[in-house]
Amino acid sequence: MPRFVAYGKKNGKPVKVIYDNGKLICDSKEVVDEIMKFIDEVRTWETPMRFAKFRMWKHTAEHPFTYKYAIDTAIDVERWEGSYPTYAYPAGLDENIRKKLEQMTDEELEKYYDGFYLL
């Protein structure tokens, strides 16, 4: 399971939210409550909301991408660290692979993704 960290602000104050194997760690109870309120709401969705390859609804409420989305809406995220999910990789990427991809040129990326079709 992925572990990722969001650094940002809530009401102008710095906040750090850690997602670790389905658990949230944050020193702001207000932020955790807001995130969990969203997750609880998603647990009731009968119709999925689609994000590229990912469908957010009751069957994916516990998925890391759902938590990332909830964190993103609860705080003004300035940066992410760790194996955080993205639209193309909803399950997250290993930090080493992410860094490697970020450093590749366009030509190298084309070779890397040869045969992949991203939405």
PDB file of N, CA and C in Angstrom:
ATOM      1  N   MET A   1       0.838  -1.181   0.000  1.00  0.00           N
ATOM      2  CA  MET A   1       0.000   0.000   0.000  1.00  0.00           C
ATOM      3  C   MET A   1       0.881   1.243   0.000  1.00  0.00           C
ATOM      4  N   PRO A   2       0.426   2.280  -0.658  1.00  0.00           N
ATOM      5  CA  PRO A   2       1.249   3.486  -0.732  1.00  0.00           C
ATOM      6  C   PRO A   2       1.244   4.295   0.558  1.00  0.00           C
ATOM      7  N   ARG A   3       2.270   5.084   0.655  1.00  0.00           N
ATOM      8  CA  ARG A   3       2.376   6.054   1.733  1.00  0.00           C
ATOM      9  C   ARG A   3       2.765   7.362   1.080  1.00  0.00           C
ATOM     10  N   PHE A   4       1.988   8.412   1.359  1.00  0.00           N
ATOM     11  CA  PHE A   4       2.321   9.707   0.789  1.00  0.00           C
ATOM     12  C   PHE A   4       2.001  10.820   1.776  1.00  0.00           C
ATOM     13  N   VAL A   5       2.608  11.970   1.520  1.00  0.00           N
ATOM     14  CA  VAL A   5       2.472  13.117   2.407  1.00  0.00           C
ATOM     15  C   VAL A   5       2.076  14.330   1.585  1.00  0.00           C
ATOM     16  N   ALA A   6       1.120  15.089   2.103  1.00  0.00           N
ATOM     17  CA  ALA A   6       0.714  16.354   1.487  1.00  0.00           C
ATOM     18  C   ALA A   6       1.137  17.485   2.412  1.00  0.00           C
ATOM     19  N   TYR A   7       1.804  18.474   1.841  1.00  0.00           N
ATOM     20  CA  TYR A   7       2.174  19.676   2.582  1.00  0.00           C
ATOM     21  C   TYR A   7       1.361  20.824   2.005  1.00  0.00           C
ATOM     22  N   GLY A   8       0.752  21.593   2.868  1.00  0.00           N
ATOM     23  CA  GLY A   8      -0.053  22.704   2.370  1.00  0.00           C
ATOM     24  C   GLY A   8      -0.498  23.608   3.493  1.00  0.00           C
ATOM     25  N   LYS A   9      -1.624  24.301   3.243  1.00  0.00           N
ATOM     26  CA  LYS A   9      -2.153  25.241   4.228  1.00  0.00           C
ATOM     27  C   LYS A   9      -3.658  25.083   4.344  1.00  0.00           C
ATOM     28  N   LYS A  10      -4.142  25.342   5.542  1.00  0.00           N
ATOM     29  CA  LYS A  10      -5.572  25.376   5.820  1.00  0.00           C
ATOM     30  C   LYS A  10      -5.820  26.653   6.611  1.00  0.00           C
ATOM     31  N   ASN A  11      -6.639  27.522   6.060  1.00  0.00           N
ATOM     32  CA  ASN A  11      -6.911  28.824   6.685  1.00  0.00           C
ATOM     33  C   ASN A  11      -5.621  29.598   6.965  1.00  0.00           C
ATOM     34  N   GLY A  12      -4.663  29.507   6.043  1.00  0.00           N
ATOM     35  CA  GLY A  12      -3.414  30.243   6.162  1.00  0.00           C
ATOM     36  C   GLY A  12      -2.373  29.609   7.069  1.00  0.00           C
ATOM     37  N   LYS A  13      -2.703  28.512   7.734  1.00  0.00           N
ATOM     38  CA  LYS A  13      -1.757  27.855   8.641  1.00  0.00           C
ATOM     39  C   LYS A  13      -1.175  26.619   7.971  1.00  0.00           C
ATOM     40  N   PRO A  14       0.136  26.381   8.152  1.00  0.00           N
ATOM     41  CA  PRO A  14       0.761  25.196   7.554  1.00  0.00           C
ATOM     42  C   PRO A  14       0.164  23.905   8.114  1.00  0.00           C
ATOM     43  N   VAL A  15       0.008  22.935   7.234  1.00  0.00           N
ATOM     44  CA  VAL A  15      -0.533  21.644   7.649  1.00  0.00           C
ATOM     45  C   VAL A  15       0.149  20.537   6.853  1.00  0.00           C
ATOM     46  N   LYS A  16       0.338  19.407   7.509  1.00  0.00           N
ATOM     47  CA  LYS A  16       0.953  18.233   6.885  1.00  0.00           C
ATOM     48  C   LYS A  16       0.010  17.055   7.123  1.00  0.00           C
ATOM     49  N   VAL A  17      -0.379  16.386   6.031  1.00  0.00           N
ATOM     50  CA  VAL A  17      -1.267  15.225   6.134  1.00  0.00           C
ATOM     51  C   VAL A  17      -0.521  14.012   5.597  1.00  0.00           C
ATOM     52  N   ILE A  18      -0.465  12.962   6.388  1.00  0.00           N
ATOM     53  CA  ILE A  18       0.201  11.724   5.987  1.00  0.00           C
ATOM     54  C   ILE A  18      -0.865  10.650   5.774  1.00  0.00           C
ATOM     55  N   TYR A  19      -0.822  10.013   4.605  1.00  0.00           N
ATOM     56  CA  TYR A  19      -1.656   8.845   4.332  1.00  0.00           C
ATOM     57  C   TYR A  19      -0.722   7.645   4.398  1.00  0.00           C
ATOM     58  N   ASP A  20      -1.023   6.720   5.296  1.00  0.00           N
ATOM     59  CA  ASP A  20      -0.157   5.555   5.473  1.00  0.00           C
ATOM     60  C   ASP A  20      -1.014   4.298   5.578  1.00  0.00           C
ATOM     61  N   ASN A  21      -1.057   3.540   4.485  1.00  0.00           N
ATOM     62  CA  ASN A  21      -1.793   2.272   4.468  1.00  0.00           C
ATOM     63  C   ASN A  21      -3.231   2.403   4.981  1.00  0.00           C
ATOM     64  N   GLY A  22      -3.940   3.401   4.479  1.00  0.00           N
ATOM     65  CA  GLY A  22      -5.344   3.578   4.842  1.00  0.00           C
ATOM     66  C   GLY A  22      -5.592   4.396   6.088  1.00  0.00           C
ATOM     67  N   LYS A  23      -4.538   4.900   6.711  1.00  0.00           N
ATOM     68  CA  LYS A  23      -4.682   5.707   7.919  1.00  0.00           C
ATOM     69  C   LYS A  23      -4.204   7.128   7.646  1.00  0.00           C
ATOM     70  N   LEU A  24      -4.867   8.089   8.283  1.00  0.00           N
ATOM     71  CA  LEU A  24      -4.467   9.487   8.172  1.00  0.00           C
ATOM     72  C   LEU A  24      -3.768   9.924   9.443  1.00  0.00           C
ATOM     73  N   ILE A  25      -2.684  10.666   9.272  1.00  0.00           N
ATOM     74  CA  ILE A  25      -1.968  11.233  10.403  1.00  0.00           C
ATOM     75  C   ILE A  25      -1.855  12.726  10.133  1.00  0.00           C
ATOM     76  N   CYS A  26      -2.394  13.519  11.049  1.00  0.00           N
ATOM     77  CA  CYS A  26      -2.370  14.972  10.888  1.00  0.00           C
ATOM     78  C   CYS A  26      -2.565  15.590  12.265  1.00  0.00           C
ATOM     79  N   ASP A  27      -1.909  16.723  12.516  1.00  0.00           N
ATOM     80  CA  ASP A  27      -2.062  17.362  13.818  1.00  0.00           C
ATOM     81  C   ASP A  27      -3.301  18.255  13.880  1.00  0.00           C
ATOM     82  N   SER A  28      -4.032  18.385  12.778  1.00  0.00           N
ATOM     83  CA  SER A  28      -5.252  19.189  12.751  1.00  0.00           C
ATOM     84  C   SER A  28      -6.477  18.273  12.684  1.00  0.00           C
ATOM     85  N   LYS A  29      -7.217  18.217  13.783  1.00  0.00           N
ATOM     86  CA  LYS A  29      -8.434  17.395  13.824  1.00  0.00           C
ATOM     87  C   LYS A  29      -9.450  17.905  12.808  1.00  0.00           C
ATOM     88  N   GLU A  30      -9.500  19.211  12.610  1.00  0.00           N
ATOM     89  CA  GLU A  30     -10.427  19.813  11.641  1.00  0.00           C
ATOM     90  C   GLU A  30     -10.182  19.265  10.233  1.00  0.00           C
ATOM     91  N   VAL A  31      -8.924  19.159   9.845  1.00  0.00           N
ATOM     92  CA  VAL A  31      -8.571  18.653   8.514  1.00  0.00           C
ATOM     93  C   VAL A  31      -8.943  17.180   8.387  1.00  0.00           C
ATOM     94  N   VAL A  32      -8.599  16.378   9.382  1.00  0.00           N
ATOM     95  CA  VAL A  32      -8.928  14.949   9.346  1.00  0.00           C
ATOM     96  C   VAL A  32     -10.442  14.758   9.277  1.00  0.00           C
ATOM     97  N   ASP A  33     -11.187  15.531  10.067  1.00  0.00           N
ATOM     98  CA  ASP A  33     -12.650  15.424  10.050  1.00  0.00           C
ATOM     99  C   ASP A  33     -13.217  15.761   8.679  1.00  0.00           C
ATOM    100  N   GLU A  34     -12.672  16.788   8.032  1.00  0.00           N
ATOM    101  CA  GLU A  34     -13.141  17.182   6.702  1.00  0.00           C
ATOM    102  C   GLU A  34     -12.842  16.092   5.664  1.00  0.00           C
ATOM    103  N   ILE A  35     -11.656  15.508   5.743  1.00  0.00           N
ATOM    104  CA  ILE A  35     -11.283  14.430   4.818  1.00  0.00           C
ATOM    105  C   ILE A  35     -12.186  13.220   5.027  1.00  0.00           C
ATOM    106  N   MET A  36     -12.380  12.833   6.275  1.00  0.00           N
ATOM    107  CA  MET A  36     -13.196  11.652   6.565  1.00  0.00           C
ATOM    108  C   MET A  36     -14.668  11.877   6.235  1.00  0.00           C
ATOM    109  N   LYS A  37     -15.138  13.114   6.354  1.00  0.00           N
ATOM    110  CA  LYS A  37     -16.515  13.430   5.960  1.00  0.00           C
ATOM    111  C   LYS A  37     -16.690  13.164   4.465  1.00  0.00           C
ATOM    112  N   PHE A  38     -15.695  13.571   3.669  1.00  0.00           N
ATOM    113  CA  PHE A  38     -15.750  13.324   2.227  1.00  0.00           C
ATOM    114  C   PHE A  38     -15.706  11.821   1.934  1.00  0.00           C
ATOM    115  N   ILE A  39     -14.809  11.100   2.592  1.00  0.00           N
ATOM    116  CA  ILE A  39     -14.690   9.651   2.385  1.00  0.00           C
ATOM    117  C   ILE A  39     -16.013   8.963   2.743  1.00  0.00           C
ATOM    118  N   ASP A  40     -16.615   9.360   3.859  1.00  0.00           N
ATOM    119  CA  ASP A  40     -17.904   8.782   4.258  1.00  0.00           C
ATOM    120  C   ASP A  40     -18.979   9.055   3.215  1.00  0.00           C
ATOM    121  N   GLU A  41     -18.942  10.236   2.627  1.00  0.00           N
ATOM    122  CA  GLU A  41     -19.904  10.585   1.579  1.00  0.00           C
ATOM    123  C   GLU A  41     -19.699   9.713   0.339  1.00  0.00           C
ATOM    124  N   VAL A  42     -18.443   9.512  -0.052  1.00  0.00           N
ATOM    125  CA  VAL A  42     -18.137   8.684  -1.225  1.00  0.00           C
ATOM    126  C   VAL A  42     -18.630   7.251  -1.007  1.00  0.00           C
ATOM    127  N   ARG A  43     -18.590   6.777   0.217  1.00  0.00           N
ATOM    128  CA  ARG A  43     -19.055   5.411   0.528  1.00  0.00           C
ATOM    129  C   ARG A  43     -20.526   5.193   0.160  1.00  0.00           C
ATOM    130  N   THR A  44     -21.284   6.279  -0.021  1.00  0.00           N
ATOM    131  CA  THR A  44     -22.711   6.169  -0.350  1.00  0.00           C
ATOM    132  C   THR A  44     -22.994   6.344  -1.838  1.00  0.00           C
ATOM    133  N   TRP A  45     -21.997   6.703  -2.622  1.00  0.00           N
ATOM    134  CA  TRP A  45     -22.217   6.984  -4.043  1.00  0.00           C
ATOM    135  C   TRP A  45     -22.564   5.709  -4.805  1.00  0.00           C
ATOM    136  N   GLU A  46     -23.710   5.725  -5.464  1.00  0.00           N
ATOM    137  CA  GLU A  46     -24.143   4.604  -6.299  1.00  0.00           C
ATOM    138  C   GLU A  46     -23.586   4.721  -7.718  1.00  0.00           C
ATOM    139  N   THR A  47     -23.377   5.960  -8.153  1.00  0.00           N
ATOM    140  CA  THR A  47     -22.871   6.215  -9.500  1.00  0.00           C
ATOM    141  C   THR A  47     -21.449   6.749  -9.394  1.00  0.00           C
ATOM    142  N   PRO A  48     -20.507   6.170 -10.131  1.00  0.00           N
ATOM    143  CA  PRO A  48     -19.113   6.624 -10.017  1.00  0.00           C
ATOM    144  C   PRO A  48     -18.861   7.964 -10.697  1.00  0.00           C
ATOM    145  N   MET A  49     -17.919   8.725 -10.121  1.00  0.00           N
ATOM    146  CA  MET A  49     -17.378   9.918 -10.754  1.00  0.00           C
ATOM    147  C   MET A  49     -16.064   9.468 -11.378  1.00  0.00           C
ATOM    148  N   ARG A  50     -15.883   9.742 -12.654  1.00  0.00           N
ATOM    149  CA  ARG A  50     -14.718   9.216 -13.355  1.00  0.00           C
ATOM    150  C   ARG A  50     -13.594  10.248 -13.435  1.00  0.00           C
ATOM    151  N   PHE A  51     -12.374   9.792 -13.159  1.00  0.00           N
ATOM    152  CA  PHE A  51     -11.155  10.584 -13.274  1.00  0.00           C
ATOM    153  C   PHE A  51     -10.174   9.774 -14.111  1.00  0.00           C
ATOM    154  N   ALA A  52     -10.113  10.031 -15.397  1.00  0.00           N
ATOM    155  CA  ALA A  52      -9.251   9.275 -16.310  1.00  0.00           C
ATOM    156  C   ALA A  52      -9.491   7.779 -16.122  1.00  0.00           C
ATOM    157  N   LYS A  53      -8.507   7.054 -15.599  1.00  0.00           N
ATOM    158  CA  LYS A  53      -8.637   5.600 -15.436  1.00  0.00           C
ATOM    159  C   LYS A  53      -9.346   5.193 -14.142  1.00  0.00           C
ATOM    160  N   PHE A  54      -9.678   6.139 -13.306  1.00  0.00           N
ATOM    161  CA  PHE A  54     -10.192   5.825 -11.966  1.00  0.00           C
ATOM    162  C   PHE A  54     -11.660   6.204 -11.832  1.00  0.00           C
ATOM    163  N   ARG A  55     -12.428   5.333 -11.209  1.00  0.00           N
ATOM    164  CA  ARG A  55     -13.832   5.617 -10.903  1.00  0.00           C
ATOM    165  C   ARG A  55     -13.979   5.722  -9.385  1.00  0.00           C
ATOM    166  N   MET A  56     -14.401   6.903  -8.923  1.00  0.00           N
ATOM    167  CA  MET A  56     -14.569   7.124  -7.495  1.00  0.00           C
ATOM    168  C   MET A  56     -16.043   6.911  -7.134  1.00  0.00           C
ATOM    169  N   TRP A  57     -16.282   5.936  -6.258  1.00  0.00           N
ATOM    170  CA  TRP A  57     -17.628   5.665  -5.762  1.00  0.00           C
ATOM    171  C   TRP A  57     -17.542   4.724  -4.586  1.00  0.00           C
ATOM    172  N   LYS A  58     -18.685   4.152  -4.165  1.00  0.00           N
ATOM    173  CA  LYS A  58     -18.711   3.360  -2.932  1.00  0.00           C
ATOM    174  C   LYS A  58     -17.718   2.202  -2.932  1.00  0.00           C
ATOM    175  N   HIS A  59     -17.421   1.655  -4.099  1.00  0.00           N
ATOM    176  CA  HIS A  59     -16.501   0.513  -4.173  1.00  0.00           C
ATOM    177  C   HIS A  59     -15.026   0.925  -4.114  1.00  0.00           C
ATOM    178  N   THR A  60     -14.746   2.213  -4.283  1.00  0.00           N
ATOM    179  CA  THR A  60     -13.354   2.682  -4.245  1.00  0.00           C
ATOM    180  C   THR A  60     -13.138   3.736  -3.157  1.00  0.00           C
ATOM    181  N   ALA A  61     -14.057   3.822  -2.210  1.00  0.00           N
ATOM    182  CA  ALA A  61     -13.955   4.841  -1.156  1.00  0.00           C
ATOM    183  C   ALA A  61     -12.676   4.697  -0.331  1.00  0.00           C
ATOM    184  N   GLU A  62     -12.175   3.477  -0.188  1.00  0.00           N
ATOM    185  CA  GLU A  62     -10.968   3.248   0.618  1.00  0.00           C
ATOM    186  C   GLU A  62      -9.685   3.285  -0.209  1.00  0.00           C
ATOM    187  N   HIS A  63      -9.792   3.576  -1.478  1.00  0.00           N
ATOM    188  CA  HIS A  63      -8.638   3.593  -2.379  1.00  0.00           C
ATOM    189  C   HIS A  63      -7.770   4.826  -2.105  1.00  0.00           C
ATOM    190  N   PRO A  64      -6.447   4.707  -2.230  1.00  0.00           N
ATOM    191  CA  PRO A  64      -5.553   5.847  -2.004  1.00  0.00           C
ATOM    192  C   PRO A  64      -5.890   7.077  -2.857  1.00  0.00           C
ATOM    193  N   PHE A  65      -6.341   6.874  -4.106  1.00  0.00           N
ATOM    194  CA  PHE A  65      -6.671   8.025  -4.950  1.00  0.00           C
ATOM    195  C   PHE A  65      -7.836   8.815  -4.355  1.00  0.00           C
ATOM    196  N   THR A  66      -8.811   8.124  -3.765  1.00  0.00           N
ATOM    197  CA  THR A  66      -9.942   8.807  -3.135  1.00  0.00           C
ATOM    198  C   THR A  66      -9.453   9.648  -1.962  1.00  0.00           C
ATOM    199  N   TYR A  67      -8.543   9.094  -1.174  1.00  0.00           N
ATOM    200  CA  TYR A  67      -7.974   9.854  -0.060  1.00  0.00           C
ATOM    201  C   TYR A  67      -7.183  11.057  -0.568  1.00  0.00           C
ATOM    202  N   LYS A  68      -6.407  10.865  -1.622  1.00  0.00           N
ATOM    203  CA  LYS A  68      -5.634  11.987  -2.170  1.00  0.00           C
ATOM    204  C   LYS A  68      -6.572  13.096  -2.625  1.00  0.00           C
ATOM    205  N   TYR A  69      -7.647  12.732  -3.307  1.00  0.00           N
ATOM    206  CA  TYR A  69      -8.619  13.719  -3.773  1.00  0.00           C
ATOM    207  C   TYR A  69      -9.240  14.456  -2.578  1.00  0.00           C
ATOM    208  N   ALA A  70      -9.585  13.715  -1.529  1.00  0.00           N
ATOM    209  CA  ALA A  70     -10.174  14.323  -0.336  1.00  0.00           C
ATOM    210  C   ALA A  70      -9.191  15.276   0.346  1.00  0.00           C
ATOM    211  N   ILE A  71      -7.927  14.884   0.415  1.00  0.00           N
ATOM    212  CA  ILE A  71      -6.899  15.751   0.997  1.00  0.00           C
ATOM    213  C   ILE A  71      -6.763  17.015   0.162  1.00  0.00           C
ATOM    214  N   ASP A  72      -6.753  16.838  -1.155  1.00  0.00           N
ATOM    215  CA  ASP A  72      -6.615  17.963  -2.083  1.00  0.00           C
ATOM    216  C   ASP A  72      -7.754  18.969  -1.939  1.00  0.00           C
ATOM    217  N   THR A  73      -8.942  18.499  -1.602  1.00  0.00           N
ATOM    218  CA  THR A  73     -10.071  19.410  -1.430  1.00  0.00           C
ATOM    219  C   THR A  73     -10.116  20.013  -0.026  1.00  0.00           C
ATOM    220  N   ALA A  74      -9.515  19.345   0.953  1.00  0.00           N
ATOM    221  CA  ALA A  74      -9.546  19.824   2.338  1.00  0.00           C
ATOM    222  C   ALA A  74      -8.502  20.901   2.623  1.00  0.00           C
ATOM    223  N   ILE A  75      -7.357  20.820   1.946  1.00  0.00           N
ATOM    224  CA  ILE A  75      -6.288  21.806   2.181  1.00  0.00           C
ATOM    225  C   ILE A  75      -5.775  22.334   0.842  1.00  0.00           C
ATOM    226  N   ASP A  76      -5.081  23.458   0.910  1.00  0.00           N
ATOM    227  CA  ASP A  76      -4.409  24.000  -0.277  1.00  0.00           C
ATOM    228  C   ASP A  76      -3.040  23.335  -0.365  1.00  0.00           C
ATOM    229  N   VAL A  77      -2.955  22.266  -1.139  1.00  0.00           N
ATOM    230  CA  VAL A  77      -1.722  21.476  -1.222  1.00  0.00           C
ATOM    231  C   VAL A  77      -0.663  22.241  -2.010  1.00  0.00           C
ATOM    232  N   GLU A  78       0.526  22.321  -1.423  1.00  0.00           N
ATOM    233  CA  GLU A  78       1.659  22.962  -2.093  1.00  0.00           C
ATOM    234  C   GLU A  78       2.575  21.931  -2.733  1.00  0.00           C
ATOM    235  N   ARG A  79       2.676  20.752  -2.093  1.00  0.00           N
ATOM    236  CA  ARG A  79       3.492  19.687  -2.691  1.00  0.00           C
ATOM    237  C   ARG A  79       3.127  18.334  -2.090  1.00  0.00           C
ATOM    238  N   TRP A  80       3.443  17.307  -2.870  1.00  0.00           N
ATOM    239  CA  TRP A  80       3.230  15.918  -2.462  1.00  0.00           C
ATOM    240  C   TRP A  80       4.576  15.219  -2.386  1.00  0.00           C
ATOM    241  N   GLU A  81       4.695  14.258  -1.487  1.00  0.00           N
ATOM    242  CA  GLU A  81       5.881  13.407  -1.406  1.00  0.00           C
ATOM    243  C   GLU A  81       5.438  11.965  -1.246  1.00  0.00           C
ATOM    244  N   GLY A  82       6.282  11.055  -1.673  1.00  0.00           N
ATOM    245  CA  GLY A  82       5.997   9.636  -1.515  1.00  0.00           C
ATOM    246  C   GLY A  82       5.322   9.044  -2.733  1.00  0.00           C
ATOM    247  N   SER A  83       4.683   7.925  -2.540  1.00  0.00           N
ATOM    248  CA  SER A  83       4.048   7.185  -3.629  1.00  0.00           C
ATOM    249  C   SER A  83       2.585   7.617  -3.766  1.00  0.00           C
ATOM    250  N   TYR A  84       2.397   8.874  -4.180  1.00  0.00           N
ATOM    251  CA  TYR A  84       1.038   9.411  -4.258  1.00  0.00           C
ATOM    252  C   TYR A  84       0.378   9.077  -5.597  1.00  0.00           C
ATOM    253  N   PRO A  85      -0.943   8.859  -5.584  1.00  0.00           N
ATOM    254  CA  PRO A  85      -1.671   8.514  -6.805  1.00  0.00           C
ATOM    255  C   PRO A  85      -1.834   9.707  -7.736  1.00  0.00           C
ATOM    256  N   THR A  86      -1.940   9.423  -9.025  1.00  0.00           N
ATOM    257  CA  THR A  86      -2.222  10.448 -10.033  1.00  0.00           C
ATOM    258  C   THR A  86      -3.313   9.909 -10.951  1.00  0.00           C
ATOM    259  N   TYR A  87      -3.780  10.740 -11.880  1.00  0.00           N
ATOM    260  CA  TYR A  87      -4.806  10.276 -12.821  1.00  0.00           C
ATOM    261  C   TYR A  87      -4.301   9.090 -13.644  1.00  0.00           C
ATOM    262  N   ALA A  88      -3.053   9.155 -14.086  1.00  0.00           N
ATOM    263  CA  ALA A  88      -2.497   8.076 -14.908  1.00  0.00           C
ATOM    264  C   ALA A  88      -2.132   6.847 -14.078  1.00  0.00           C
ATOM    265  N   TYR A  89      -1.764   7.064 -12.824  1.00  0.00           N
ATOM    266  CA  TYR A  89      -1.375   5.963 -11.937  1.00  0.00           C
ATOM    267  C   TYR A  89      -2.172   6.055 -10.635  1.00  0.00           C
ATOM    268  N   PRO A  90      -3.454   5.665 -10.658  1.00  0.00           N
ATOM    269  CA  PRO A  90      -4.302   5.803  -9.472  1.00  0.00           C
ATOM    270  C   PRO A  90      -3.788   5.063  -8.242  1.00  0.00           C
ATOM    271  N   ALA A  91      -3.011   4.013  -8.435  1.00  0.00           N
ATOM    272  CA  ALA A  91      -2.471   3.275  -7.294  1.00  0.00           C
ATOM    273  C   ALA A  91      -1.177   3.886  -6.779  1.00  0.00           C
ATOM    274  N   GLY A  92      -0.678   4.909  -7.443  1.00  0.00           N
ATOM    275  CA  GLY A  92       0.563   5.548  -7.032  1.00  0.00           C
ATOM    276  C   GLY A  92       1.767   4.908  -7.693  1.00  0.00           C
ATOM    277  N   LEU A  93       2.843   5.643  -7.692  1.00  0.00           N
ATOM    278  CA  LEU A  93       4.099   5.163  -8.254  1.00  0.00           C
ATOM    279  C   LEU A  93       5.147   5.123  -7.162  1.00  0.00           C
ATOM    280  N   ASP A  94       6.030   4.180  -7.253  1.00  0.00           N
ATOM    281  CA  ASP A  94       7.177   4.149  -6.365  1.00  0.00           C
ATOM    282  C   ASP A  94       7.953   5.452  -6.553  1.00  0.00           C
ATOM    283  N   GLU A  95       8.427   6.035  -5.472  1.00  0.00           N
ATOM    284  CA  GLU A  95       9.124   7.328  -5.527  1.00  0.00           C
ATOM    285  C   GLU A  95      10.316   7.303  -6.486  1.00  0.00           C
ATOM    286  N   ASN A  96      11.065   6.197  -6.528  1.00  0.00           N
ATOM    287  CA  ASN A  96      12.222   6.110  -7.424  1.00  0.00           C
ATOM    288  C   ASN A  96      11.799   6.127  -8.888  1.00  0.00           C
ATOM    289  N   ILE A  97      10.707   5.420  -9.213  1.00  0.00           N
ATOM    290  CA  ILE A  97      10.207   5.423 -10.592  1.00  0.00           C
ATOM    291  C   ILE A  97       9.715   6.815 -10.956  1.00  0.00           C
ATOM    292  N   ARG A  98       9.002   7.475 -10.032  1.00  0.00           N
ATOM    293  CA  ARG A  98       8.497   8.824 -10.280  1.00  0.00           C
ATOM    294  C   ARG A  98       9.648   9.784 -10.615  1.00  0.00           C
ATOM    295  N   LYS A  99      10.712   9.734  -9.817  1.00  0.00           N
ATOM    296  CA  LYS A  99      11.854  10.622 -10.055  1.00  0.00           C
ATOM    297  C   LYS A  99      12.496  10.332 -11.408  1.00  0.00           C
ATOM    298  N   LYS A 100      12.603   9.053 -11.751  1.00  0.00           N
ATOM    299  CA  LYS A 100      13.184   8.669 -13.037  1.00  0.00           C
ATOM    300  C   LYS A 100      12.349   9.231 -14.189  1.00  0.00           C
ATOM    301  N   LEU A 101      11.026   9.092 -14.100  1.00  0.00           N
ATOM    302  CA  LEU A 101      10.143   9.599 -15.156  1.00  0.00           C
ATOM    303  C   LEU A 101      10.217  11.119 -15.278  1.00  0.00           C
ATOM    304  N   GLU A 102      10.325  11.809 -14.148  1.00  0.00           N
ATOM    305  CA  GLU A 102      10.391  13.270 -14.165  1.00  0.00           C
ATOM    306  C   GLU A 102      11.669  13.775 -14.828  1.00  0.00           C
ATOM    307  N   GLN A 103      12.730  12.981 -14.796  1.00  0.00           N
ATOM    308  CA  GLN A 103      14.008  13.404 -15.362  1.00  0.00           C
ATOM    309  C   GLN A 103      14.176  13.023 -16.827  1.00  0.00           C
ATOM    310  N   MET A 104      13.251  12.219 -17.365  1.00  0.00           N
ATOM    311  CA  MET A 104      13.366  11.771 -18.755  1.00  0.00           C
ATOM    312  C   MET A 104      13.017  12.883 -19.740  1.00  0.00           C
ATOM    313  N   THR A 105      13.680  12.828 -20.892  1.00  0.00           N
ATOM    314  CA  THR A 105      13.352  13.747 -21.981  1.00  0.00           C
ATOM    315  C   THR A 105      12.088  13.246 -22.680  1.00  0.00           C
ATOM    316  N   ASP A 106      11.528  14.068 -23.563  1.00  0.00           N
ATOM    317  CA  ASP A 106      10.331  13.659 -24.303  1.00  0.00           C
ATOM    318  C   ASP A 106      10.580  12.396 -25.114  1.00  0.00           C
ATOM    319  N   GLU A 107      11.755  12.300 -25.743  1.00  0.00           N
ATOM    320  CA  GLU A 107      12.075  11.121 -26.551  1.00  0.00           C
ATOM    321  C   GLU A 107      12.168   9.868 -25.679  1.00  0.00           C
ATOM    322  N   GLU A 108      12.804   9.995 -24.524  1.00  0.00           N
ATOM    323  CA  GLU A 108      12.915   8.857 -23.611  1.00  0.00           C
ATOM    324  C   GLU A 108      11.540   8.425 -23.096  1.00  0.00           C
ATOM    325  N   LEU A 109      10.680   9.404 -22.822  1.00  0.00           N
ATOM    326  CA  LEU A 109       9.331   9.084 -22.359  1.00  0.00           C
ATOM    327  C   LEU A 109       8.530   8.356 -23.427  1.00  0.00           C
ATOM    328  N   GLU A 110       8.699   8.776 -24.686  1.00  0.00           N
ATOM    329  CA  GLU A 110       7.998   8.102 -25.784  1.00  0.00           C
ATOM    330  C   GLU A 110       8.403   6.636 -25.859  1.00  0.00           C
ATOM    331  N   LYS A 111       9.712   6.363 -25.705  1.00  0.00           N
ATOM    332  CA  LYS A 111      10.184   4.974 -25.724  1.00  0.00           C
ATOM    333  C   LYS A 111       9.655   4.209 -24.514  1.00  0.00           C
ATOM    334  N   TYR A 112       9.645   4.868 -23.362  1.00  0.00           N
ATOM    335  CA  TYR A 112       9.185   4.227 -22.127  1.00  0.00           C
ATOM    336  C   TYR A 112       7.714   3.838 -22.230  1.00  0.00           C
ATOM    337  N   TYR A 113       6.913   4.742 -22.794  1.00  0.00           N
ATOM    338  CA  TYR A 113       5.471   4.511 -22.892  1.00  0.00           C
ATOM    339  C   TYR A 113       5.056   3.864 -24.200  1.00  0.00           C
ATOM    340  N   ASP A 114       6.008   3.445 -25.016  1.00  0.00           N
ATOM    341  CA  ASP A 114       5.683   2.815 -26.297  1.00  0.00           C
ATOM    342  C   ASP A 114       4.757   1.622 -26.054  1.00  0.00           C
ATOM    343  N   GLY A 115       3.606   1.676 -26.671  1.00  0.00           N
ATOM    344  CA  GLY A 115       2.640   0.596 -26.494  1.00  0.00           C
ATOM    345  C   GLY A 115       1.593   0.880 -25.436  1.00  0.00           C
ATOM    346  N   PHE A 116       1.820   1.908 -24.582  1.00  0.00           N
ATOM    347  CA  PHE A 116       0.821   2.283 -23.581  1.00  0.00           C
ATOM    348  C   PHE A 116      -0.112   3.319 -24.181  1.00  0.00           C
ATOM    349  N   TYR A 117      -1.339   3.262 -23.811  1.00  0.00           N
ATOM    350  CA  TYR A 117      -2.306   4.267 -24.254  1.00  0.00           C
ATOM    351  C   TYR A 117      -2.912   4.900 -23.017  1.00  0.00           C
ATOM    352  N   LEU A 118      -2.507   6.118 -22.729  1.00  0.00           N
ATOM    353  CA  LEU A 118      -3.022   6.824 -21.562  1.00  0.00           C
ATOM    354  C   LEU A 118      -4.208   7.674 -21.973  1.00  0.00           C
ATOM    355  N   LEU A 119      -5.211   7.708 -21.128  1.00  0.00           N
ATOM    356  CA  LEU A 119      -6.397   8.522 -21.410  1.00  0.00           C
ATOM    357  C   LEU A 119      -6.100   9.974 -21.173  1.00  0.00           C
TER     358      LEU A 119
END
